[in-house]
Each structure stands twice: as C-alpha cells, then as structure tokens.
C-alpha cells in the first residue's frame, strides 16, 4: 500500500540497529500481512479521483466493496528483550 501518512518507513536492519543501540537483544523481525477491504484499498491507492469514483461505484454495485483481501503491505512485527 502507498501510505503518505508516515514520515519514515523502517526496514528490518534499521529496527534491529535501533533496538541493539537501546540495549535490546533476542531481536526478531518478521513480515506482517494486513487485511484490507477493497473499498479501503481503493481509497489508499494513488489514483486520480475520477478513476477511484468509477471503480468504487462498480465495487459497490457488485457488492464487493466490503470484501477483505490479505496483502503483504510491507509491514512488520518486531519483538525484542532487554535483560
């Protein structure tokens, strides 16, 4: 997903480095898939408003707008311990 709300996107190596510098160990980072409705995915996708409106109308008329899809959106979950 394209998300303009974040000012920085962390990757695994950056998360690991930050946590190690803060004194954490046993660091595990792994990808996390997200579930989005087609309506929300369309809202977040960088398309012109006219196209979004037409596709949104089509999804609603086909009763697909609330259908959830699971996508690897680039998110991750991180766990670390400090002893």
Protein backbone atom coordinates (compact mmCIF):
# COMPACT_ATOMS: atom_id res chain seq x y z
CA UNK A 1 0.00 0.00 0.00
CA UNK A 2 1.11 3.52 -0.63
CA UNK A 3 0.80 5.44 2.62
CA UNK A 4 1.55 9.16 2.73
CA UNK A 5 0.86 9.40 6.47
CA UNK A 6 4.26 8.04 7.55
CA UNK A 7 7.32 10.27 7.53
CA UNK A 8 9.74 7.33 7.75
CA UNK A 9 9.45 3.65 6.91
CA UNK A 10 11.69 1.31 8.90
CA UNK A 11 13.18 -1.86 7.46
CA UNK A 12 14.43 -4.89 9.40
CA UNK A 13 18.04 -3.77 9.56
CA UNK A 14 17.11 -0.29 10.84
CA UNK A 15 14.81 -1.72 13.52
CA UNK A 16 17.50 -4.16 14.60
CA UNK A 17 20.14 -1.41 14.79
CA UNK A 18 17.90 0.93 16.82
CA UNK A 19 16.94 -1.80 19.29
CA UNK A 20 20.53 -3.03 19.68
CA UNK A 21 21.70 0.54 20.38
CA UNK A 22 18.96 0.83 23.02
CA UNK A 23 20.27 -2.29 24.79
CA UNK A 24 17.81 -4.89 23.48
CA UNK A 25 18.76 -8.37 22.34
CA UNK A 26 16.99 -11.51 21.08
CA UNK A 27 15.50 -9.32 18.34
CA UNK A 28 13.05 -10.91 15.91
CA UNK A 29 11.63 -9.01 12.94
CA UNK A 30 9.24 -10.66 10.54
CA UNK A 31 6.80 -9.56 7.85
CA UNK A 32 3.17 -9.00 8.74
CA UNK A 33 0.37 -9.23 6.18
CA UNK A 34 -2.57 -6.92 6.55
CA UNK A 35 -6.23 -7.32 5.70
CA UNK A 36 -7.94 -4.50 3.84
CA UNK A 37 -11.40 -4.13 2.39
CA UNK A 38 -11.40 -3.44 -1.32
CA UNK A 39 -13.05 -0.08 -0.53
CA UNK A 40 -10.18 0.93 1.80
CA UNK A 41 -7.50 -0.38 -0.58
CA UNK A 42 -9.01 1.72 -3.36
CA UNK A 43 -9.07 4.78 -1.10
CA UNK A 44 -5.35 4.40 -0.28
CA UNK A 45 -4.18 3.57 -3.81
CA UNK A 46 -2.64 6.55 -5.65
CA UNK A 47 -5.13 7.00 -8.47
CA UNK A 48 -6.96 10.07 -9.77
CA UNK A 49 -10.28 10.77 -8.02
CA UNK A 50 -12.31 10.20 -11.17
CA UNK A 51 -10.95 6.67 -11.56
CA UNK A 52 -11.41 5.91 -7.85
CA UNK A 53 -15.02 7.10 -8.04
CA UNK A 54 -15.82 4.89 -11.01
CA UNK A 55 -14.13 1.81 -9.57
CA UNK A 56 -15.75 2.49 -6.17
CA UNK A 57 -19.19 2.66 -7.77
CA UNK A 58 -18.51 -0.60 -9.59
CA UNK A 59 -17.34 -2.34 -6.40
CA UNK A 60 -20.43 -1.14 -4.55
CA UNK A 61 -22.82 -2.23 -7.31
CA UNK A 62 -21.20 -5.69 -7.39
CA UNK A 63 -21.31 -5.82 -3.57
CA UNK A 64 -17.56 -6.30 -3.41
CA UNK A 65 -16.52 -3.13 -1.56
CA UNK A 66 -16.54 -4.83 1.86
CA UNK A 67 -14.64 -7.92 0.65
CA UNK A 68 -11.38 -8.29 2.59
CA UNK A 69 -8.11 -9.13 0.93
CA UNK A 70 -4.89 -10.10 2.67
CA UNK A 71 -1.80 -8.42 1.25
CA UNK A 72 1.84 -8.12 2.25
CA UNK A 73 1.79 -4.34 2.63
CA UNK A 74 5.40 -4.03 3.76
CA UNK A 75 4.58 -4.01 7.47
CA UNK A 76 6.49 -5.99 10.07
CA UNK A 77 6.23 -7.09 13.64
CA UNK A 78 9.25 -6.80 15.92
CA UNK A 79 9.95 -8.39 19.29
CA UNK A 80 12.97 -7.77 21.48
CA UNK A 81 14.05 -8.40 25.08
CA UNK A 82 16.04 -6.28 27.45
CA UNK A 83 17.74 -8.19 30.26
